[in-house]
Amino acid sequence: MAASDIVSVYDEFLEYLAQQATPEQILAFKASEAAQRRADELTERNKAGTLTPDEAYELEQMLRFNRLVSRLKAKAVKALRQP
């Protein structure tokens, strides 16, 4: 699967999610405190150069998820601005 195909699949998934939840519900989503603490810990360890390969993978997955949620929230804002 080409990178452009993956982006297309992501966009389809985001559109599906945006249609299933209200824009307000999407915008209200935030990670749990435990997840945020873990992300902060991994980020600090990454800056210090002390991540294990598994932790580096975990951090990368968190970053990918964050980008996905950001795109979904952008779609929610756009939906709220439309009449």
PDB file of N, CA and C in Angstrom:
ATOM      1  N   MET A   1       0.845  -1.177   0.000  1.00  0.00           N
ATOM      2  CA  MET A   1       0.000   0.000   0.000  1.00  0.00           C
ATOM      3  C   MET A   1       0.886   1.234   0.000  1.00  0.00           C
ATOM      4  N   ALA A   2       0.655   2.114  -0.946  1.00  0.00           N
ATOM      5  CA  ALA A   2       1.436   3.348  -1.067  1.00  0.00           C
ATOM      6  C   ALA A   2       1.044   4.326   0.038  1.00  0.00           C
ATOM      7  N   ALA A   3       1.955   5.239   0.335  1.00  0.00           N
ATOM      8  CA  ALA A   3       1.697   6.227   1.386  1.00  0.00           C
ATOM      9  C   ALA A   3       0.434   7.026   1.093  1.00  0.00           C
ATOM     10  N   SER A   4       0.203   7.367  -0.178  1.00  0.00           N
ATOM     11  CA  SER A   4      -1.001   8.135  -0.517  1.00  0.00           C
ATOM     12  C   SER A   4      -2.264   7.327  -0.261  1.00  0.00           C
ATOM     13  N   ASP A   5      -2.189   5.993  -0.426  1.00  0.00           N
ATOM     14  CA  ASP A   5      -3.327   5.127  -0.130  1.00  0.00           C
ATOM     15  C   ASP A   5      -3.617   5.118   1.366  1.00  0.00           C
ATOM     16  N   ILE A   6      -2.559   5.135   2.175  1.00  0.00           N
ATOM     17  CA  ILE A   6      -2.724   5.135   3.623  1.00  0.00           C
ATOM     18  C   ILE A   6      -3.393   6.433   4.064  1.00  0.00           C
ATOM     19  N   VAL A   7      -2.954   7.560   3.500  1.00  0.00           N
ATOM     20  CA  VAL A   7      -3.566   8.846   3.833  1.00  0.00           C
ATOM     21  C   VAL A   7      -5.037   8.822   3.459  1.00  0.00           C
ATOM     22  N   SER A   8      -5.363   8.252   2.320  1.00  0.00           N
ATOM     23  CA  SER A   8      -6.750   8.166   1.881  1.00  0.00           C
ATOM     24  C   SER A   8      -7.579   7.330   2.856  1.00  0.00           C
ATOM     25  N   VAL A   9      -7.045   6.228   3.306  1.00  0.00           N
ATOM     26  CA  VAL A   9      -7.745   5.376   4.264  1.00  0.00           C
ATOM     27  C   VAL A   9      -7.934   6.123   5.580  1.00  0.00           C
ATOM     28  N   TYR A  10      -6.905   6.843   6.016  1.00  0.00           N
ATOM     29  CA  TYR A  10      -7.032   7.667   7.227  1.00  0.00           C
ATOM     30  C   TYR A  10      -8.154   8.679   7.060  1.00  0.00           C
ATOM     31  N   ASP A  11      -8.180   9.353   5.916  1.00  0.00           N
ATOM     32  CA  ASP A  11      -9.213  10.357   5.681  1.00  0.00           C
ATOM     33  C   ASP A  11     -10.605   9.725   5.698  1.00  0.00           C
ATOM     34  N   GLU A  12     -10.745   8.559   5.102  1.00  0.00           N
ATOM     35  CA  GLU A  12     -12.034   7.867   5.130  1.00  0.00           C
ATOM     36  C   GLU A  12     -12.440   7.538   6.563  1.00  0.00           C
ATOM     37  N   PHE A  13     -11.492   7.057   7.344  1.00  0.00           N
ATOM     38  CA  PHE A  13     -11.759   6.734   8.740  1.00  0.00           C
ATOM     39  C   PHE A  13     -12.144   7.982   9.528  1.00  0.00           C
ATOM     40  N   LEU A  14     -11.431   9.074   9.303  1.00  0.00           N
ATOM     41  CA  LEU A  14     -11.741  10.321   9.992  1.00  0.00           C
ATOM     42  C   LEU A  14     -13.125  10.831   9.613  1.00  0.00           C
ATOM     43  N   GLU A  15     -13.469  10.740   8.353  1.00  0.00           N
ATOM     44  CA  GLU A  15     -14.802  11.154   7.922  1.00  0.00           C
ATOM     45  C   GLU A  15     -15.872  10.301   8.601  1.00  0.00           C
ATOM     46  N   TYR A  16     -15.629   9.009   8.682  1.00  0.00           N
ATOM     47  CA  TYR A  16     -16.568   8.108   9.355  1.00  0.00           C
ATOM     48  C   TYR A  16     -16.743   8.518  10.819  1.00  0.00           C
ATOM     49  N   LEU A  17     -15.644   8.729  11.511  1.00  0.00           N
ATOM     50  CA  LEU A  17     -15.727   9.136  12.912  1.00  0.00           C
ATOM     51  C   LEU A  17     -16.437  10.472  13.069  1.00  0.00           C
ATOM     52  N   ALA A  18     -16.122  11.392  12.179  1.00  0.00           N
ATOM     53  CA  ALA A  18     -16.729  12.713  12.252  1.00  0.00           C
ATOM     54  C   ALA A  18     -18.243  12.634  12.048  1.00  0.00           C
ATOM     55  N   GLN A  19     -18.697  11.673  11.278  1.00  0.00           N
ATOM     56  CA  GLN A  19     -20.136  11.517  11.046  1.00  0.00           C
ATOM     57  C   GLN A  19     -20.823  10.777  12.191  1.00  0.00           C
ATOM     58  N   GLN A  20     -20.084  10.000  12.969  1.00  0.00           N
ATOM     59  CA  GLN A  20     -20.681   9.212  14.035  1.00  0.00           C
ATOM     60  C   GLN A  20     -20.791   9.973  15.354  1.00  0.00           C
ATOM     61  N   ALA A  21     -19.932  10.902  15.575  1.00  0.00           N
ATOM     62  CA  ALA A  21     -19.941  11.700  16.806  1.00  0.00           C
ATOM     63  C   ALA A  21     -20.238  13.146  16.429  1.00  0.00           C
ATOM     64  N   THR A  22     -20.766  13.875  17.379  1.00  0.00           N
ATOM     65  CA  THR A  22     -20.997  15.289  17.101  1.00  0.00           C
ATOM     66  C   THR A  22     -19.649  16.013  17.110  1.00  0.00           C
ATOM     67  N   PRO A  23     -19.559  17.133  16.417  1.00  0.00           N
ATOM     68  CA  PRO A  23     -18.316  17.890  16.464  1.00  0.00           C
ATOM     69  C   PRO A  23     -17.914  18.250  17.896  1.00  0.00           C
ATOM     70  N   GLU A  24     -18.892  18.562  18.709  1.00  0.00           N
ATOM     71  CA  GLU A  24     -18.612  18.909  20.103  1.00  0.00           C
ATOM     72  C   GLU A  24     -18.007  17.727  20.861  1.00  0.00           C
ATOM     73  N   GLN A  25     -18.514  16.528  20.604  1.00  0.00           N
ATOM     74  CA  GLN A  25     -17.963  15.337  21.253  1.00  0.00           C
ATOM     75  C   GLN A  25     -16.529  15.084  20.809  1.00  0.00           C
ATOM     76  N   ILE A  26     -16.280  15.283  19.537  1.00  0.00           N
ATOM     77  CA  ILE A  26     -14.927  15.089  19.019  1.00  0.00           C
ATOM     78  C   ILE A  26     -13.970  16.090  19.648  1.00  0.00           C
ATOM     79  N   LEU A  27     -14.390  17.355  19.705  1.00  0.00           N
ATOM     80  CA  LEU A  27     -13.528  18.389  20.268  1.00  0.00           C
ATOM     81  C   LEU A  27     -13.305  18.197  21.767  1.00  0.00           C
ATOM     82  N   ALA A  28     -14.231  17.546  22.443  1.00  0.00           N
ATOM     83  CA  ALA A  28     -14.105  17.332  23.889  1.00  0.00           C
ATOM     84  C   ALA A  28     -13.149  16.192  24.236  1.00  0.00           C
ATOM     85  N   PHE A  29     -12.815  15.355  23.247  1.00  0.00           N
ATOM     86  CA  PHE A  29     -11.943  14.215  23.545  1.00  0.00           C
ATOM     87  C   PHE A  29     -10.559  14.684  23.954  1.00  0.00           C
ATOM     88  N   LYS A  30     -10.053  14.081  25.009  1.00  0.00           N
ATOM     89  CA  LYS A  30      -8.655  14.270  25.374  1.00  0.00           C
ATOM     90  C   LYS A  30      -8.156  13.000  26.049  1.00  0.00           C
ATOM     91  N   ALA A  31      -6.886  12.785  25.941  1.00  0.00           N
ATOM     92  CA  ALA A  31      -6.277  11.582  26.512  1.00  0.00           C
ATOM     93  C   ALA A  31      -6.402  11.616  28.030  1.00  0.00           C
ATOM     94  N   SER A  32      -6.398  10.438  28.612  1.00  0.00           N
ATOM     95  CA  SER A  32      -6.466  10.340  30.068  1.00  0.00           C
ATOM     96  C   SER A  32      -5.194  10.926  30.684  1.00  0.00           C
ATOM     97  N   GLU A  33      -5.269  11.236  31.948  1.00  0.00           N
ATOM     98  CA  GLU A  33      -4.088  11.754  32.641  1.00  0.00           C
ATOM     99  C   GLU A  33      -2.953  10.731  32.616  1.00  0.00           C
ATOM    100  N   ALA A  34      -3.296   9.448  32.765  1.00  0.00           N
ATOM    101  CA  ALA A  34      -2.266   8.405  32.737  1.00  0.00           C
ATOM    102  C   ALA A  34      -1.582   8.349  31.377  1.00  0.00           C
ATOM    103  N   ALA A  35      -2.367   8.456  30.315  1.00  0.00           N
ATOM    104  CA  ALA A  35      -1.780   8.436  28.968  1.00  0.00           C
ATOM    105  C   ALA A  35      -0.904   9.664  28.741  1.00  0.00           C
ATOM    106  N   GLN A  36      -1.342  10.812  29.229  1.00  0.00           N
ATOM    107  CA  GLN A  36      -0.551  12.031  29.072  1.00  0.00           C
ATOM    108  C   GLN A  36       0.755  11.943  29.853  1.00  0.00           C
ATOM    109  N   ARG A  37       0.677  11.394  31.064  1.00  0.00           N
ATOM    110  CA  ARG A  37       1.905  11.223  31.863  1.00  0.00           C
ATOM    111  C   ARG A  37       2.886  10.303  31.151  1.00  0.00           C
ATOM    112  N   ARG A  38       2.368   9.218  30.566  1.00  0.00           N
ATOM    113  CA  ARG A  38       3.229   8.273  29.857  1.00  0.00           C
ATOM    114  C   ARG A  38       3.871   8.952  28.643  1.00  0.00           C
ATOM    115  N   ALA A  39       3.088   9.724  27.913  1.00  0.00           N
ATOM    116  CA  ALA A  39       3.636  10.441  26.754  1.00  0.00           C
ATOM    117  C   ALA A  39       4.714  11.427  27.193  1.00  0.00           C
ATOM    118  N   ASP A  40       4.459  12.135  28.280  1.00  0.00           N
ATOM    119  CA  ASP A  40       5.451  13.085  28.797  1.00  0.00           C
ATOM    120  C   ASP A  40       6.734  12.371  29.207  1.00  0.00           C
ATOM    121  N   GLU A  41       6.563  11.228  29.878  1.00  0.00           N
ATOM    122  CA  GLU A  41       7.727  10.446  30.317  1.00  0.00           C
ATOM    123  C   GLU A  41       8.553   9.977  29.123  1.00  0.00           C
ATOM    124  N   LEU A  42       7.875   9.435  28.125  1.00  0.00           N
ATOM    125  CA  LEU A  42       8.585   8.951  26.937  1.00  0.00           C
ATOM    126  C   LEU A  42       9.255  10.093  26.188  1.00  0.00           C
ATOM    127  N   THR A  43       8.584  11.250  26.129  1.00  0.00           N
ATOM    128  CA  THR A  43       9.168  12.406  25.456  1.00  0.00           C
ATOM    129  C   THR A  43      10.446  12.853  26.158  1.00  0.00           C
ATOM    130  N   GLU A  44      10.405  12.916  27.470  1.00  0.00           N
ATOM    131  CA  GLU A  44      11.596  13.313  28.235  1.00  0.00           C
ATOM    132  C   GLU A  44      12.725  12.300  28.062  1.00  0.00           C
ATOM    133  N   ARG A  45      12.378  11.021  28.095  1.00  0.00           N
ATOM    134  CA  ARG A  45      13.401   9.991  27.911  1.00  0.00           C
ATOM    135  C   ARG A  45      13.963  10.016  26.500  1.00  0.00           C
ATOM    136  N   ASN A  46      13.115  10.369  25.528  1.00  0.00           N
ATOM    137  CA  ASN A  46      13.586  10.491  24.152  1.00  0.00           C
ATOM    138  C   ASN A  46      14.588  11.639  24.040  1.00  0.00           C
ATOM    139  N   LYS A  47      14.269  12.771  24.666  1.00  0.00           N
ATOM    140  CA  LYS A  47      15.187  13.913  24.657  1.00  0.00           C
ATOM    141  C   LYS A  47      16.525  13.556  25.306  1.00  0.00           C
ATOM    142  N   ALA A  48      16.465  12.698  26.335  1.00  0.00           N
ATOM    143  CA  ALA A  48      17.684  12.293  27.038  1.00  0.00           C
ATOM    144  C   ALA A  48      18.419  11.167  26.304  1.00  0.00           C
ATOM    145  N   GLY A  49      17.779  10.613  25.275  1.00  0.00           N
ATOM    146  CA  GLY A  49      18.402   9.533  24.521  1.00  0.00           C
ATOM    147  C   GLY A  49      18.414   8.203  25.241  1.00  0.00           C
ATOM    148  N   THR A  50      17.431   7.972  26.117  1.00  0.00           N
ATOM    149  CA  THR A  50      17.422   6.743  26.916  1.00  0.00           C
ATOM    150  C   THR A  50      16.240   5.823  26.619  1.00  0.00           C
ATOM    151  N   LEU A  51      15.567   6.027  25.499  1.00  0.00           N
ATOM    152  CA  LEU A  51      14.447   5.148  25.153  1.00  0.00           C
ATOM    153  C   LEU A  51      14.934   3.790  24.680  1.00  0.00           C
ATOM    154  N   THR A  52      14.198   2.753  25.067  1.00  0.00           N
ATOM    155  CA  THR A  52      14.440   1.435  24.494  1.00  0.00           C
ATOM    156  C   THR A  52      13.765   1.402  23.122  1.00  0.00           C
ATOM    157  N   PRO A  53      14.094   0.428  22.286  1.00  0.00           N
ATOM    158  CA  PRO A  53      13.402   0.333  20.991  1.00  0.00           C
ATOM    159  C   PRO A  53      11.882   0.199  21.149  1.00  0.00           C
ATOM    160  N   ASP A  54      11.434  -0.571  22.123  1.00  0.00           N
ATOM    161  CA  ASP A  54       9.991  -0.711  22.347  1.00  0.00           C
ATOM    162  C   ASP A  54       9.360   0.612  22.766  1.00  0.00           C
ATOM    163  N   GLU A  55      10.048   1.371  23.587  1.00  0.00           N
ATOM    164  CA  GLU A  55       9.538   2.667  24.015  1.00  0.00           C
ATOM    165  C   GLU A  55       9.527   3.662  22.861  1.00  0.00           C
ATOM    166  N   ALA A  56      10.525   3.592  22.010  1.00  0.00           N
ATOM    167  CA  ALA A  56      10.566   4.468  20.836  1.00  0.00           C
ATOM    168  C   ALA A  56       9.380   4.174  19.922  1.00  0.00           C
ATOM    169  N   TYR A  57       9.069   2.902  19.758  1.00  0.00           N
ATOM    170  CA  TYR A  57       7.914   2.503  18.956  1.00  0.00           C
ATOM    171  C   TYR A  57       6.621   3.001  19.611  1.00  0.00           C
ATOM    172  N   GLU A  58       6.518   2.839  20.920  1.00  0.00           N
ATOM    173  CA  GLU A  58       5.345   3.294  21.656  1.00  0.00           C
ATOM    174  C   GLU A  58       5.158   4.802  21.477  1.00  0.00           C
ATOM    175  N   LEU A  59       6.222   5.561  21.596  1.00  0.00           N
ATOM    176  CA  LEU A  59       6.146   7.006  21.436  1.00  0.00           C
ATOM    177  C   LEU A  59       5.731   7.362  20.008  1.00  0.00           C
ATOM    178  N   GLU A  60       6.283   6.688  19.032  1.00  0.00           N
ATOM    179  CA  GLU A  60       5.915   6.953  17.642  1.00  0.00           C
ATOM    180  C   GLU A  60       4.428   6.684  17.421  1.00  0.00           C
ATOM    181  N   GLN A  61       3.911   5.612  17.999  1.00  0.00           N
ATOM    182  CA  GLN A  61       2.486   5.311  17.862  1.00  0.00           C
ATOM    183  C   GLN A  61       1.631   6.384  18.534  1.00  0.00           C
ATOM    184  N   MET A  62       2.081   6.867  19.671  1.00  0.00           N
ATOM    185  CA  MET A  62       1.365   7.956  20.344  1.00  0.00           C
ATOM    186  C   MET A  62       1.344   9.208  19.476  1.00  0.00           C
ATOM    187  N   LEU A  63       2.461   9.517  18.846  1.00  0.00           N
ATOM    188  CA  LEU A  63       2.532  10.684  17.979  1.00  0.00           C
ATOM    189  C   LEU A  63       1.633  10.524  16.757  1.00  0.00           C
ATOM    190  N   ARG A  64       1.599   9.337  16.192  1.00  0.00           N
ATOM    191  CA  ARG A  64       0.715   9.083  15.050  1.00  0.00           C
ATOM    192  C   ARG A  64      -0.746   9.251  15.457  1.00  0.00           C
ATOM    193  N   PHE A  65      -1.093   8.712  16.627  1.00  0.00           N
ATOM    194  CA  PHE A  65      -2.460   8.843  17.112  1.00  0.00           C
ATOM    195  C   PHE A  65      -2.804  10.310  17.338  1.00  0.00           C
ATOM    196  N   ASN A  66      -1.867  11.054  17.900  1.00  0.00           N
ATOM    197  CA  ASN A  66      -2.097  12.480  18.146  1.00  0.00           C
ATOM    198  C   ASN A  66      -2.352  13.225  16.842  1.00  0.00           C
ATOM    199  N   ARG A  67      -1.591  12.908  15.815  1.00  0.00           N
ATOM    200  CA  ARG A  67      -1.817  13.552  14.511  1.00  0.00           C
ATOM    201  C   ARG A  67      -3.191  13.185  13.959  1.00  0.00           C
ATOM    202  N   LEU A  68      -3.588  11.939  14.133  1.00  0.00           N
ATOM    203  CA  LEU A  68      -4.891  11.490  13.660  1.00  0.00           C
ATOM    204  C   LEU A  68      -6.007  12.232  14.385  1.00  0.00           C
ATOM    205  N   VAL A  69      -5.914  12.343  15.692  1.00  0.00           N
ATOM    206  CA  VAL A  69      -6.929  13.054  16.473  1.00  0.00           C
ATOM    207  C   VAL A  69      -6.943  14.529  16.095  1.00  0.00           C
ATOM    208  N   SER A  70      -5.784  15.114  15.868  1.00  0.00           N
ATOM    209  CA  SER A  70      -5.720  16.520  15.457  1.00  0.00           C
ATOM    210  C   SER A  70      -6.443  16.741  14.137  1.00  0.00           C
ATOM    211  N   ARG A  71      -6.255  15.842  13.220  1.00  0.00           N
ATOM    212  CA  ARG A  71      -6.946  15.958  11.926  1.00  0.00           C
ATOM    213  C   ARG A  71      -8.451  15.803  12.101  1.00  0.00           C
ATOM    214  N   LEU A  72      -8.848  14.879  12.958  1.00  0.00           N
ATOM    215  CA  LEU A  72     -10.271  14.678  13.228  1.00  0.00           C
ATOM    216  C   LEU A  72     -10.874  15.930  13.862  1.00  0.00           C
ATOM    217  N   LYS A  73     -10.162  16.519  14.802  1.00  0.00           N
ATOM    218  CA  LYS A  73     -10.661  17.734  15.448  1.00  0.00           C
ATOM    219  C   LYS A  73     -10.736  18.891  14.452  1.00  0.00           C
ATOM    220  N   ALA A  74      -9.811  18.958  13.526  1.00  0.00           N
ATOM    221  CA  ALA A  74      -9.870  19.999  12.487  1.00  0.00           C
ATOM    222  C   ALA A  74     -11.129  19.822  11.643  1.00  0.00           C
ATOM    223  N   LYS A  75     -11.469  18.580  11.337  1.00  0.00           N
ATOM    224  CA  LYS A  75     -12.695  18.318  10.578  1.00  0.00           C
ATOM    225  C   LYS A  75     -13.921  18.705  11.403  1.00  0.00           C
ATOM    226  N   ALA A  76     -13.870  18.490  12.706  1.00  0.00           N
ATOM    227  CA  ALA A  76     -14.990  18.852  13.573  1.00  0.00           C
ATOM    228  C   ALA A  76     -15.174  20.367  13.604  1.00  0.00           C
ATOM    229  N   VAL A  77     -14.069  21.105  13.694  1.00  0.00           N
ATOM    230  CA  VAL A  77     -14.150  22.574  13.678  1.00  0.00           C
ATOM    231  C   VAL A  77     -14.749  23.042  12.353  1.00  0.00           C
ATOM    232  N   LYS A  78     -14.319  22.453  11.269  1.00  0.00           N
ATOM    233  CA  LYS A  78     -14.838  22.815   9.947  1.00  0.00           C
ATOM    234  C   LYS A  78     -16.344  22.551   9.891  1.00  0.00           C
ATOM    235  N   ALA A  79     -16.776  21.426  10.446  1.00  0.00           N
ATOM    236  CA  ALA A  79     -18.210  21.092  10.441  1.00  0.00           C
ATOM    237  C   ALA A  79     -19.005  22.104  11.263  1.00  0.00           C
ATOM    238  N   LEU A  80     -18.446  22.581  12.359  1.00  0.00           N
ATOM    239  CA  LEU A  80     -19.150  23.563  13.180  1.00  0.00           C
ATOM    240  C   LEU A  80     -19.278  24.911  12.486  1.00  0.00           C
ATOM    241  N   ARG A  81     -18.347  25.222  11.615  1.00  0.00           N
ATOM    242  CA  ARG A  81     -18.361  26.512  10.907  1.00  0.00           C
ATOM    243  C   ARG A  81     -19.310  26.519   9.716  1.00  0.00           C
ATOM    244  N   GLN A  82     -19.710  25.338   9.265  1.00  0.00           N
ATOM    245  CA  GLN A  82     -20.606  25.263   8.111  1.00  0.00           C
ATOM    246  C   GLN A  82     -22.043  25.468   8.583  1.00  0.00           C
ATOM    247  N   PRO A  83     -22.820  26.219   7.769  1.00  0.00           N
ATOM    248  CA  PRO A  83     -24.229  26.463   8.148  1.00  0.00           C
ATOM    249  C   PRO A  83     -25.084  25.214   8.052  1.00  0.00           C
TER     250      PRO A  83
END
